[in-house]
Amino acid sequence: MTVHRWLKSSYSSANGDCVELADTLDRIRDSKDPHGPTLGIDVAGFVRAVKDGRFDR
C-alpha cells in the first residue's frame, strides 16, 4: 500500500469542505473523510481535456 502526502488548496474553506490531491497527482479524496475511498485520476487525460476546451462554458 502506497502512503501518500495529501495536499489541500490554500483557498479551501476553514470548515474543511474540499478535496485533497495526493502528492503523486493521481488520486483525490474528500478531506472530511481521510480514511475513506480515493478516486484515481488520469492527469494527462485531464490536461488534454482542459486544453481541448471540454470544460469551457
N, C-alpha and C. Protein backbone atom coordinates (compact mmCIF):
# COMPACT_ATOMS: atom_id res chain seq x y z
N MET A 1 0.84 -1.19 0.00
CA MET A 1 0.00 0.00 0.00
C MET A 1 0.88 1.24 0.00
N THR A 2 0.60 2.16 -0.92
CA THR A 2 1.37 3.39 -1.02
C THR A 2 0.84 4.41 -0.01
N VAL A 3 1.76 5.05 0.69
CA VAL A 3 1.39 6.11 1.62
C VAL A 3 1.59 7.43 0.89
N HIS A 4 0.52 8.22 0.85
CA HIS A 4 0.57 9.50 0.15
C HIS A 4 0.63 10.65 1.13
N ARG A 5 1.24 11.73 0.70
CA ARG A 5 1.11 13.00 1.39
C ARG A 5 0.00 13.73 0.65
N TRP A 6 -0.98 14.26 1.38
CA TRP A 6 -2.15 14.88 0.77
C TRP A 6 -2.03 16.39 0.83
N LEU A 7 -2.40 17.03 -0.27
CA LEU A 7 -2.28 18.48 -0.39
C LEU A 7 -3.67 19.10 -0.52
N LYS A 8 -3.90 20.16 0.24
CA LYS A 8 -5.18 20.86 0.20
C LYS A 8 -4.94 22.29 -0.28
N SER A 9 -5.81 22.79 -1.09
CA SER A 9 -5.68 24.14 -1.61
C SER A 9 -5.70 25.16 -0.48
N SER A 10 -4.90 26.19 -0.62
CA SER A 10 -4.92 27.28 0.36
C SER A 10 -6.23 28.07 0.27
N TYR A 11 -6.99 27.85 -0.81
CA TYR A 11 -8.29 28.51 -0.99
C TYR A 11 -9.43 27.73 -0.34
N SER A 12 -9.15 26.57 0.25
CA SER A 12 -10.22 25.77 0.85
C SER A 12 -10.80 26.49 2.06
N SER A 13 -12.05 26.19 2.33
CA SER A 13 -12.72 26.87 3.44
C SER A 13 -12.23 26.35 4.78
N ALA A 14 -12.45 27.15 5.80
CA ALA A 14 -11.99 26.81 7.15
C ALA A 14 -12.69 25.56 7.69
N ASN A 15 -13.90 25.24 7.20
CA ASN A 15 -14.62 24.08 7.72
C ASN A 15 -14.14 22.77 7.10
N GLY A 16 -13.19 22.84 6.18
CA GLY A 16 -12.60 21.63 5.62
C GLY A 16 -13.37 21.00 4.48
N ASP A 17 -14.38 21.66 3.96
CA ASP A 17 -15.17 21.11 2.86
C ASP A 17 -14.42 21.28 1.54
N CYS A 18 -13.58 20.32 1.22
CA CYS A 18 -12.84 20.41 -0.03
C CYS A 18 -12.30 19.01 -0.38
N VAL A 19 -11.63 18.95 -1.48
CA VAL A 19 -10.96 17.73 -1.87
C VAL A 19 -9.46 17.94 -1.69
N GLU A 20 -8.75 16.84 -1.55
CA GLU A 20 -7.30 16.88 -1.42
C GLU A 20 -6.68 16.08 -2.56
N LEU A 21 -5.51 16.49 -2.98
CA LEU A 21 -4.79 15.86 -4.07
C LEU A 21 -3.56 15.16 -3.51
N ALA A 22 -3.35 13.92 -3.92
CA ALA A 22 -2.16 13.18 -3.47
C ALA A 22 -0.91 13.79 -4.08
N ASP A 23 0.19 13.67 -3.37
CA ASP A 23 1.46 14.21 -3.86
C ASP A 23 1.90 13.59 -5.18
N THR A 24 1.36 12.45 -5.52
CA THR A 24 1.68 11.79 -6.79
C THR A 24 0.81 12.31 -7.94
N LEU A 25 -0.16 13.18 -7.60
CA LEU A 25 -1.07 13.83 -8.55
C LEU A 25 -1.99 12.86 -9.29
N ASP A 26 -2.18 11.66 -8.75
CA ASP A 26 -3.04 10.69 -9.43
C ASP A 26 -4.21 10.19 -8.58
N ARG A 27 -4.43 10.80 -7.41
CA ARG A 27 -5.53 10.41 -6.51
C ARG A 27 -6.12 11.66 -5.89
N ILE A 28 -7.44 11.66 -5.69
CA ILE A 28 -8.10 12.71 -4.92
C ILE A 28 -8.99 12.06 -3.87
N ARG A 29 -9.28 12.81 -2.81
CA ARG A 29 -10.15 12.30 -1.74
C ARG A 29 -10.90 13.45 -1.11
N ASP A 30 -11.93 13.11 -0.36
CA ASP A 30 -12.73 14.07 0.40
C ASP A 30 -11.96 14.37 1.69
N SER A 31 -11.67 15.64 1.93
CA SER A 31 -10.89 15.99 3.11
C SER A 31 -11.62 15.69 4.42
N LYS A 32 -12.96 15.59 4.38
CA LYS A 32 -13.72 15.27 5.59
C LYS A 32 -13.66 13.78 5.93
N ASP A 33 -13.19 12.97 4.99
CA ASP A 33 -13.14 11.51 5.20
C ASP A 33 -11.76 10.98 4.78
N PRO A 34 -10.71 11.33 5.53
CA PRO A 34 -9.36 10.98 5.11
C PRO A 34 -9.08 9.48 5.05
N HIS A 35 -9.88 8.68 5.72
CA HIS A 35 -9.69 7.22 5.68
C HIS A 35 -10.65 6.55 4.71
N GLY A 36 -11.44 7.36 4.03
CA GLY A 36 -12.42 6.84 3.08
C GLY A 36 -11.79 6.54 1.73
N PRO A 37 -12.63 6.31 0.75
CA PRO A 37 -12.14 5.95 -0.58
C PRO A 37 -11.43 7.12 -1.27
N THR A 38 -10.59 6.77 -2.20
CA THR A 38 -9.93 7.77 -3.04
C THR A 38 -10.33 7.51 -4.49
N LEU A 39 -10.19 8.52 -5.30
CA LEU A 39 -10.55 8.42 -6.71
C LEU A 39 -9.28 8.59 -7.53
N GLY A 40 -8.99 7.60 -8.38
CA GLY A 40 -7.84 7.70 -9.26
C GLY A 40 -8.16 8.59 -10.44
N ILE A 41 -7.20 9.41 -10.85
CA ILE A 41 -7.41 10.31 -11.97
C ILE A 41 -6.28 10.14 -12.99
N ASP A 42 -6.63 10.33 -14.23
CA ASP A 42 -5.66 10.30 -15.33
C ASP A 42 -5.24 11.74 -15.58
N VAL A 43 -4.11 12.14 -15.03
CA VAL A 43 -3.67 13.53 -15.11
C VAL A 43 -3.47 13.97 -16.56
N ALA A 44 -2.81 13.14 -17.35
CA ALA A 44 -2.55 13.50 -18.75
C ALA A 44 -3.88 13.67 -19.50
N GLY A 45 -4.83 12.79 -19.25
CA GLY A 45 -6.14 12.89 -19.89
C GLY A 45 -6.88 14.13 -19.46
N PHE A 46 -6.78 14.48 -18.18
CA PHE A 46 -7.43 15.69 -17.68
C PHE A 46 -6.84 16.93 -18.33
N VAL A 47 -5.51 17.00 -18.40
CA VAL A 47 -4.85 18.16 -19.02
C VAL A 47 -5.25 18.26 -20.50
N ARG A 48 -5.31 17.13 -21.20
CA ARG A 48 -5.75 17.13 -22.60
C ARG A 48 -7.16 17.69 -22.73
N ALA A 49 -8.05 17.25 -21.83
CA ALA A 49 -9.44 17.70 -21.88
C ALA A 49 -9.54 19.20 -21.64
N VAL A 50 -8.74 19.73 -20.72
CA VAL A 50 -8.74 21.17 -20.47
C VAL A 50 -8.26 21.90 -21.71
N LYS A 51 -7.16 21.44 -22.28
CA LYS A 51 -6.61 22.08 -23.49
C LYS A 51 -7.59 22.02 -24.66
N ASP A 52 -8.35 20.93 -24.74
CA ASP A 52 -9.34 20.77 -25.82
C ASP A 52 -10.61 21.57 -25.59
N GLY A 53 -10.73 22.20 -24.41
CA GLY A 53 -11.90 23.03 -24.12
C GLY A 53 -13.11 22.25 -23.64
N ARG A 54 -12.93 21.02 -23.20
CA ARG A 54 -14.08 20.22 -22.78
C ARG A 54 -14.77 20.75 -21.54
N PHE A 55 -14.12 21.63 -20.77
CA PHE A 55 -14.72 22.17 -19.56
C PHE A 55 -15.13 23.62 -19.72
N ASP A 56 -14.98 24.15 -20.93
CA ASP A 56 -15.37 25.54 -21.20
C ASP A 56 -16.89 25.64 -21.16
N ARG A 57 -17.36 26.78 -20.74
CA ARG A 57 -18.82 27.01 -20.70
C ARG A 57 -19.22 27.92 -21.80
